[in-house]
C-alpha atoms as a PDB file:
ATOM      1  CA  UNK A   1      13.641  32.191   4.171  1.00  0.00           C
ATOM      2  CA  UNK A   2      11.952  31.997   0.788  1.00  0.00           C
ATOM      3  CA  UNK A   3       8.923  29.664   0.875  1.00  0.00           C
ATOM      4  CA  UNK A   4       9.898  28.382  -2.569  1.00  0.00           C
ATOM      5  CA  UNK A   5      12.929  26.842  -0.876  1.00  0.00           C
ATOM      6  CA  UNK A   6      11.053  25.630   2.190  1.00  0.00           C
ATOM      7  CA  UNK A   7       8.399  23.693   0.301  1.00  0.00           C
ATOM      8  CA  UNK A   8      10.734  21.259  -1.517  1.00  0.00           C
ATOM      9  CA  UNK A   9      12.732  20.818   1.692  1.00  0.00           C
ATOM     10  CA  UNK A  10       9.554  20.062   3.630  1.00  0.00           C
ATOM     11  CA  UNK A  11       8.440  17.539   1.019  1.00  0.00           C
ATOM     12  CA  UNK A  12      11.798  15.760   1.092  1.00  0.00           C
ATOM     13  CA  UNK A  13      11.850  15.665   4.897  1.00  0.00           C
ATOM     14  CA  UNK A  14       8.292  14.359   5.025  1.00  0.00           C
ATOM     15  CA  UNK A  15       9.119  11.585   2.579  1.00  0.00           C
ATOM     16  CA  UNK A  16      12.125  10.529   4.655  1.00  0.00           C
ATOM     17  CA  UNK A  17      10.127  10.556   7.891  1.00  0.00           C
ATOM     18  CA  UNK A  18       7.313   8.478   6.443  1.00  0.00           C
ATOM     19  CA  UNK A  19       9.709   6.009   4.822  1.00  0.00           C
ATOM     20  CA  UNK A  20      11.670   5.597   8.057  1.00  0.00           C
ATOM     21  CA  UNK A  21       8.484   4.456   9.831  1.00  0.00           C
ATOM     22  CA  UNK A  22       7.678   1.760   7.241  1.00  0.00           C
ATOM     23  CA  UNK A  23       8.567  -1.851   8.014  1.00  0.00           C
ATOM     24  CA  UNK A  24       7.806  -5.109   6.212  1.00  0.00           C
ATOM     25  CA  UNK A  25       5.103  -7.111   8.056  1.00  0.00           C
ATOM     26  CA  UNK A  26       6.459 -10.303   9.646  1.00  0.00           C
ATOM     27  CA  UNK A  27       4.427 -12.587   7.391  1.00  0.00           C
ATOM     28  CA  UNK A  28       6.072 -11.039   4.319  1.00  0.00           C
ATOM     29  CA  UNK A  29       9.724 -11.055   5.386  1.00  0.00           C
ATOM     30  CA  UNK A  30      12.311 -13.205   3.638  1.00  0.00           C
ATOM     31  CA  UNK A  31      14.377 -13.411   0.450  1.00  0.00           C
ATOM     32  CA  UNK A  32      12.617 -13.722  -2.895  1.00  0.00           C
ATOM     33  CA  UNK A  33      13.483 -13.830  -6.573  1.00  0.00           C
ATOM     34  CA  UNK A  34      13.549 -10.561  -8.509  1.00  0.00           C
ATOM     35  CA  UNK A  35      11.065 -11.637 -11.152  1.00  0.00           C
ATOM     36  CA  UNK A  36       7.781 -10.066 -12.236  1.00  0.00           C
ATOM     37  CA  UNK A  37       4.497 -11.829 -13.059  1.00  0.00           C
ATOM     38  CA  UNK A  38       4.937 -10.836 -16.688  1.00  0.00           C
ATOM     39  CA  UNK A  39       8.371 -12.459 -16.807  1.00  0.00           C
ATOM     40  CA  UNK A  40       7.012 -15.610 -15.143  1.00  0.00           C
ATOM     41  CA  UNK A  41       4.051 -15.996 -17.497  1.00  0.00           C
ATOM     42  CA  UNK A  42       5.860 -18.541 -19.665  1.00  0.00           C
ATOM     43  CA  UNK A  43       5.661 -21.048 -16.786  1.00  0.00           C
ATOM     44  CA  UNK A  44       9.358 -21.946 -16.862  1.00  0.00           C
ATOM     45  CA  UNK A  45      10.149 -20.773 -13.335  1.00  0.00           C
ATOM     46  CA  UNK A  46       8.091 -23.182 -11.216  1.00  0.00           C
ATOM     47  CA  UNK A  47       9.545 -23.685  -7.744  1.00  0.00           C
ATOM     48  CA  UNK A  48      10.731 -20.083  -7.476  1.00  0.00           C
ATOM     49  CA  UNK A  49       9.894 -18.192  -4.273  1.00  0.00           C
ATOM     50  CA  UNK A  50       8.311 -14.812  -4.933  1.00  0.00           C
ATOM     51  CA  UNK A  51       6.805 -11.865  -3.100  1.00  0.00           C
ATOM     52  CA  UNK A  52       4.225 -10.169  -5.302  1.00  0.00           C
ATOM     53  CA  UNK A  53       1.418  -7.759  -4.725  1.00  0.00           C
ATOM     54  CA  UNK A  54      -1.131  -5.548  -6.367  1.00  0.00           C
ATOM     55  CA  UNK A  55      -4.850  -4.889  -6.661  1.00  0.00           C
ATOM     56  CA  UNK A  56      -7.406  -7.685  -6.364  1.00  0.00           C
ATOM     57  CA  UNK A  57      -9.330  -8.314  -9.576  1.00  0.00           C
ATOM     58  CA  UNK A  58     -11.384 -11.222  -8.231  1.00  0.00           C
ATOM     59  CA  UNK A  59     -11.458 -13.547  -5.213  1.00  0.00           C
ATOM     60  CA  UNK A  60     -12.702 -17.105  -5.800  1.00  0.00           C
ATOM     61  CA  UNK A  61     -13.140 -19.508  -2.856  1.00  0.00           C
ATOM     62  CA  UNK A  62     -12.933 -23.199  -3.783  1.00  0.00           C
ATOM     63  CA  UNK A  63     -13.492 -26.464  -1.920  1.00  0.00           C
ATOM     64  CA  UNK A  64     -10.137 -26.347  -0.110  1.00  0.00           C
ATOM     65  CA  UNK A  65      -8.491 -23.063  -1.020  1.00  0.00           C
ATOM     66  CA  UNK A  66      -9.168 -19.513  -2.169  1.00  0.00           C
ATOM     67  CA  UNK A  67      -7.609 -18.014  -5.287  1.00  0.00           C
ATOM     68  CA  UNK A  68      -6.939 -14.315  -5.719  1.00  0.00           C
ATOM     69  CA  UNK A  69      -6.628 -12.913  -9.224  1.00  0.00           C
ATOM     70  CA  UNK A  70      -4.425  -9.857  -8.972  1.00  0.00           C
ATOM     71  CA  UNK A  71      -3.246  -6.982 -11.155  1.00  0.00           C
ATOM     72  CA  UNK A  72       0.405  -6.879 -10.142  1.00  0.00           C
ATOM     73  CA  UNK A  73       2.189  -3.719  -9.037  1.00  0.00           C
ATOM     74  CA  UNK A  74       5.755  -3.022  -7.898  1.00  0.00           C
ATOM     75  CA  UNK A  75       6.235  -3.249  -4.143  1.00  0.00           C
ATOM     76  CA  UNK A  76       7.559  -0.475  -1.939  1.00  0.00           C
ATOM     77  CA  UNK A  77      11.032  -1.243  -0.614  1.00  0.00           C
ATOM     78  CA  UNK A  78      10.127  -0.076   2.895  1.00  0.00           C
ATOM     79  CA  UNK A  79       7.061  -2.188   3.667  1.00  0.00           C
ATOM     80  CA  UNK A  80       6.316  -4.357   0.582  1.00  0.00           C
ATOM     81  CA  UNK A  81       2.988  -2.597  -0.002  1.00  0.00           C
ATOM     82  CA  UNK A  82       1.917  -2.324  -3.660  1.00  0.00           C
ATOM     83  CA  UNK A  83       2.730   1.036  -5.223  1.00  0.00           C
ATOM     84  CA  UNK A  84      -0.591   1.663  -6.911  1.00  0.00           C
ATOM     85  CA  UNK A  85       0.490   4.753  -8.864  1.00  0.00           C
ATOM     86  CA  UNK A  86       3.082   2.742 -10.835  1.00  0.00           C
ATOM     87  CA  UNK A  87       2.616   0.650 -13.987  1.00  0.00           C
ATOM     88  CA  UNK A  88       1.400  -2.925 -13.726  1.00  0.00           C
ATOM     89  CA  UNK A  89       3.934  -5.766 -13.564  1.00  0.00           C
ATOM     90  CA  UNK A  90       1.424  -8.193 -15.076  1.00  0.00           C
ATOM     91  CA  UNK A  91      -1.405 -10.322 -13.722  1.00  0.00           C
ATOM     92  CA  UNK A  92      -1.038 -13.351 -11.480  1.00  0.00           C
ATOM     93  CA  UNK A  93      -3.147 -15.697  -9.374  1.00  0.00           C
ATOM     94  CA  UNK A  94      -2.298 -16.648  -5.787  1.00  0.00           C
ATOM     95  CA  UNK A  95      -4.049 -19.557  -4.065  1.00  0.00           C
ATOM     96  CA  UNK A  96      -4.063 -20.099  -0.293  1.00  0.00           C
ATOM     97  CA  UNK A  97      -5.582 -22.975   1.649  1.00  0.00           C
ATOM     98  CA  UNK A  98      -8.754 -22.050   3.513  1.00  0.00           C
ATOM     99  CA  UNK A  99     -11.705 -19.729   3.024  1.00  0.00           C
ATOM    100  CA  UNK A 100     -11.200 -16.011   2.427  1.00  0.00           C
ATOM    101  CA  UNK A 101     -14.380 -13.974   2.157  1.00  0.00           C
ATOM    102  CA  UNK A 102     -14.709 -12.174  -1.209  1.00  0.00           C
ATOM    103  CA  UNK A 103     -16.585  -9.371   0.573  1.00  0.00           C
ATOM    104  CA  UNK A 104     -13.488  -8.724   2.681  1.00  0.00           C
ATOM    105  CA  UNK A 105     -10.879  -9.541   0.047  1.00  0.00           C
ATOM    106  CA  UNK A 106     -12.879  -7.461  -2.381  1.00  0.00           C
ATOM    107  CA  UNK A 107     -12.133  -6.181  -5.860  1.00  0.00           C
ATOM    108  CA  UNK A 108      -9.861  -3.149  -5.681  1.00  0.00           C
ATOM    109  CA  UNK A 109      -8.257  -3.988  -2.306  1.00  0.00           C
ATOM    110  CA  UNK A 110      -4.477  -4.170  -2.099  1.00  0.00           C
ATOM    111  CA  UNK A 111      -2.693  -7.389  -1.147  1.00  0.00           C
ATOM    112  CA  UNK A 112       0.840  -8.736  -0.992  1.00  0.00           C
ATOM    113  CA  UNK A 113       1.499 -12.481  -1.111  1.00  0.00           C
ATOM    114  CA  UNK A 114       4.535 -14.685  -0.606  1.00  0.00           C
ATOM    115  CA  UNK A 115       4.816 -18.216  -1.914  1.00  0.00           C
ATOM    116  CA  UNK A 116       6.167 -20.557  -4.564  1.00  0.00           C
ATOM    117  CA  UNK A 117       5.416 -20.465  -8.286  1.00  0.00           C
ATOM    118  CA  UNK A 118       3.595 -23.507  -9.643  1.00  0.00           C
ATOM    119  CA  UNK A 119       2.819 -23.352 -13.342  1.00  0.00           C
ATOM    120  CA  UNK A 120       0.384 -21.096 -15.168  1.00  0.00           C
ATOM    121  CA  UNK A 121      -3.410 -20.783 -15.201  1.00  0.00           C
ATOM    122  CA  UNK A 122      -4.980 -19.535 -18.432  1.00  0.00           C
ATOM    123  CA  UNK A 123      -8.088 -17.373 -18.222  1.00  0.00           C
ATOM    124  CA  UNK A 124      -9.860 -15.148 -20.673  1.00  0.00           C
ATOM    125  CA  UNK A 125      -9.503 -11.377 -20.393  1.00  0.00           C
ATOM    126  CA  UNK A 126     -12.056 -10.282 -22.937  1.00  0.00           C
ATOM    127  CA  UNK A 127     -11.356 -12.616 -25.841  1.00  0.00           C
ATOM    128  CA  UNK A 128      -7.660 -12.961 -24.981  1.00  0.00           C
ATOM    129  CA  UNK A 129      -6.332 -16.121 -23.320  1.00  0.00           C
ATOM    130  CA  UNK A 130      -4.181 -14.630 -20.546  1.00  0.00           C
ATOM    131  CA  UNK A 131      -1.520 -16.771 -18.803  1.00  0.00           C
ATOM    132  CA  UNK A 132      -1.618 -16.109 -15.031  1.00  0.00           C
ATOM    133  CA  UNK A 133       1.480 -17.350 -13.173  1.00  0.00           C
ATOM    134  CA  UNK A 134       0.145 -19.345 -10.197  1.00  0.00           C
ATOM    135  CA  UNK A 135       1.528 -18.757  -6.711  1.00  0.00           C
ATOM    136  CA  UNK A 136       0.971 -21.355  -3.993  1.00  0.00           C
ATOM    137  CA  UNK A 137       0.770 -18.780  -1.222  1.00  0.00           C
ATOM    138  CA  UNK A 138       2.229 -19.177   2.248  1.00  0.00           C
ATOM    139  CA  UNK A 139       0.887 -15.792   3.339  1.00  0.00           C
ATOM    140  CA  UNK A 140      -1.689 -13.346   2.003  1.00  0.00           C
ATOM    141  CA  UNK A 141      -1.479  -9.867   3.484  1.00  0.00           C
ATOM    142  CA  UNK A 142      -4.505  -7.609   3.032  1.00  0.00           C
ATOM    143  CA  UNK A 143      -3.547  -3.948   3.388  1.00  0.00           C
ATOM    144  CA  UNK A 144      -5.731  -1.476   5.273  1.00  0.00           C
ATOM    145  CA  UNK A 145      -7.645   1.069   3.241  1.00  0.00           C
ATOM    146  CA  UNK A 146      -5.780   4.426   3.289  1.00  0.00           C
ATOM    147  CA  UNK A 147      -7.268   7.099   5.559  1.00  0.00           C
ATOM    148  CA  UNK A 148      -7.991  10.417   3.873  1.00  0.00           C
ATOM    149  CA  UNK A 149      -7.979  13.672   5.839  1.00  0.00           C
ATOM    150  CA  UNK A 150      -9.677  16.385   3.846  1.00  0.00           C
ATOM    151  CA  UNK A 151      -7.819  19.529   4.698  1.00  0.00           C
ATOM    152  CA  UNK A 152     -10.340  21.997   3.381  1.00  0.00           C
ATOM    153  CA  UNK A 153     -12.840  20.868   6.007  1.00  0.00           C
ATOM    154  CA  UNK A 154     -10.753  22.197   8.887  1.00  0.00           C
ATOM    155  CA  UNK A 155      -9.214  25.443   7.730  1.00  0.00           C
ATOM    156  CA  UNK A 156      -6.704  27.535   9.619  1.00  0.00           C
ATOM    157  CA  UNK A 157      -6.097  26.572  13.240  1.00  0.00           C
ATOM    158  CA  UNK A 158      -8.505  23.655  13.040  1.00  0.00           C
ATOM    159  CA  UNK A 159      -6.453  21.828  10.393  1.00  0.00           C
ATOM    160  CA  UNK A 160      -4.631  18.960  12.188  1.00  0.00           C
ATOM    161  CA  UNK A 161      -1.790  19.269   9.675  1.00  0.00           C
ATOM    162  CA  UNK A 162      -1.407  23.045  10.053  1.00  0.00           C
ATOM    163  CA  UNK A 163       1.809  24.662  11.148  1.00  0.00           C
ATOM    164  CA  UNK A 164       5.498  23.900  11.458  1.00  0.00           C
ATOM    165  CA  UNK A 165       5.267  20.789  13.663  1.00  0.00           C
ATOM    166  CA  UNK A 166       4.118  17.306  12.681  1.00  0.00           C
ATOM    167  CA  UNK A 167       0.679  17.968  14.141  1.00  0.00           C
ATOM    168  CA  UNK A 168       1.065  21.734  14.087  1.00  0.00           C
ATOM    169  CA  UNK A 169       3.037  23.892  16.526  1.00  0.00           C
ATOM    170  CA  UNK A 170       1.269  22.405  19.576  1.00  0.00           C
ATOM    171  CA  UNK A 171       2.552  18.844  19.307  1.00  0.00           C
ATOM    172  CA  UNK A 172       5.206  16.463  18.090  1.00  0.00           C
ATOM    173  CA  UNK A 173       8.214  18.750  18.306  1.00  0.00           C
ATOM    174  CA  UNK A 174       9.388  21.347  15.883  1.00  0.00           C
ATOM    175  CA  UNK A 175      10.281  20.943  12.239  1.00  0.00           C
ATOM    176  CA  UNK A 176       8.388  21.446   9.023  1.00  0.00           C
ATOM    177  CA  UNK A 177       5.136  19.532   8.644  1.00  0.00           C
ATOM    178  CA  UNK A 178       5.424  17.919   5.185  1.00  0.00           C
ATOM    179  CA  UNK A 179       1.718  18.567   4.618  1.00  0.00           C
ATOM    180  CA  UNK A 180       1.312  22.153   5.812  1.00  0.00           C
ATOM    181  CA  UNK A 181       1.694  23.744   2.399  1.00  0.00           C
ATOM    182  CA  UNK A 182      -0.153  21.078   0.378  1.00  0.00           C
ATOM    183  CA  UNK A 183      -3.690  21.851  -0.804  1.00  0.00           C
ATOM    184  CA  UNK A 184      -6.433  19.247  -0.926  1.00  0.00           C
ATOM    185  CA  UNK A 185      -6.713  15.941   0.967  1.00  0.00           C
ATOM    186  CA  UNK A 186      -3.845  14.263   2.800  1.00  0.00           C
ATOM    187  CA  UNK A 187      -3.700  10.458   2.535  1.00  0.00           C
ATOM    188  CA  UNK A 188      -2.314   8.656   5.583  1.00  0.00           C
ATOM    189  CA  UNK A 189      -1.449   4.965   5.277  1.00  0.00           C
ATOM    190  CA  UNK A 190      -2.217   2.822   8.351  1.00  0.00           C
ATOM    191  CA  UNK A 191       0.618   0.484   9.270  1.00  0.00           C
ATOM    192  CA  UNK A 192       0.916  -3.059   7.970  1.00  0.00           C
ATOM    193  CA  UNK A 193      -0.870  -4.530  10.973  1.00  0.00           C
ATOM    194  CA  UNK A 194      -3.980  -2.510  10.183  1.00  0.00           C
ATOM    195  CA  UNK A 195      -3.710  -0.110  13.101  1.00  0.00           C
ATOM    196  CA  UNK A 196      -5.169   3.284  12.199  1.00  0.00           C
ATOM    197  CA  UNK A 197      -3.035   6.390  12.630  1.00  0.00           C
ATOM    198  CA  UNK A 198      -3.452   8.176  15.958  1.00  0.00           C
ATOM    199  CA  UNK A 199      -6.002  10.985  15.890  1.00  0.00           C
ATOM    200  CA  UNK A 200      -4.588  14.503  15.886  1.00  0.00           C
ATOM    201  CA  UNK A 201      -4.718  16.349  19.205  1.00  0.00           C
ATOM    202  CA  UNK A 202      -7.364  19.035  19.585  1.00  0.00           C
ATOM    203  CA  UNK A 203      -6.216  22.398  18.251  1.00  0.00           C
ATOM    204  CA  UNK A 204      -5.735  25.360  20.594  1.00  0.00           C
ATOM    205  CA  UNK A 205      -8.080  28.302  20.371  1.00  0.00           C
ATOM    206  CA  UNK A 206      -7.106  31.051  17.915  1.00  0.00           C
ATOM    207  CA  UNK A 207      -4.887  33.735  19.426  1.00  0.00           C
ATOM    208  CA  UNK A 208      -6.749  36.668  20.918  1.00  0.00           C
ATOM    209  CA  UNK A 209      -6.386  40.142  19.563  1.00  0.00           C
END
């Protein structure tokens, strides 16, 4: 079969397989209003339950709670993780009772929060007075940092993503590996509970002769 046909099919299959494994973490489940931070910035939707996420701009512990200033992003339908490649939905601030270490909840990390809207907090972004919708958070979910496998390091038989099976022809059953044709690094997302992906099995020796 023509590889030009196989590659799109492999990509589609890989996307389906990865999506089918994604589930929303228990602390983020529930029903929430379909409203973005930008739409809520006028402060007229206090009392609305929301599930928002994005990239941390700043984490500020206070006397009784910790506030997270976040650049909002759309959430994936499968697991409610922020989709970082998409356009921002606006900034917001989420505050949760207790201490959250800014070195752990650091700038650039991805979080998803659930809670209830309570007014607007105005802060300067440059010289602009920016209205941050404030979320009184019931849960703050910090997402694991994606694991990057650099394919070029392995090469040939030593590449854990080589071949027609999920981990190559020696494991995981047959079918097209969605990564086998892709150059460059492969990014693997740990699950929502922070468990890293299982390591690939050791490759077999190259065939003799």
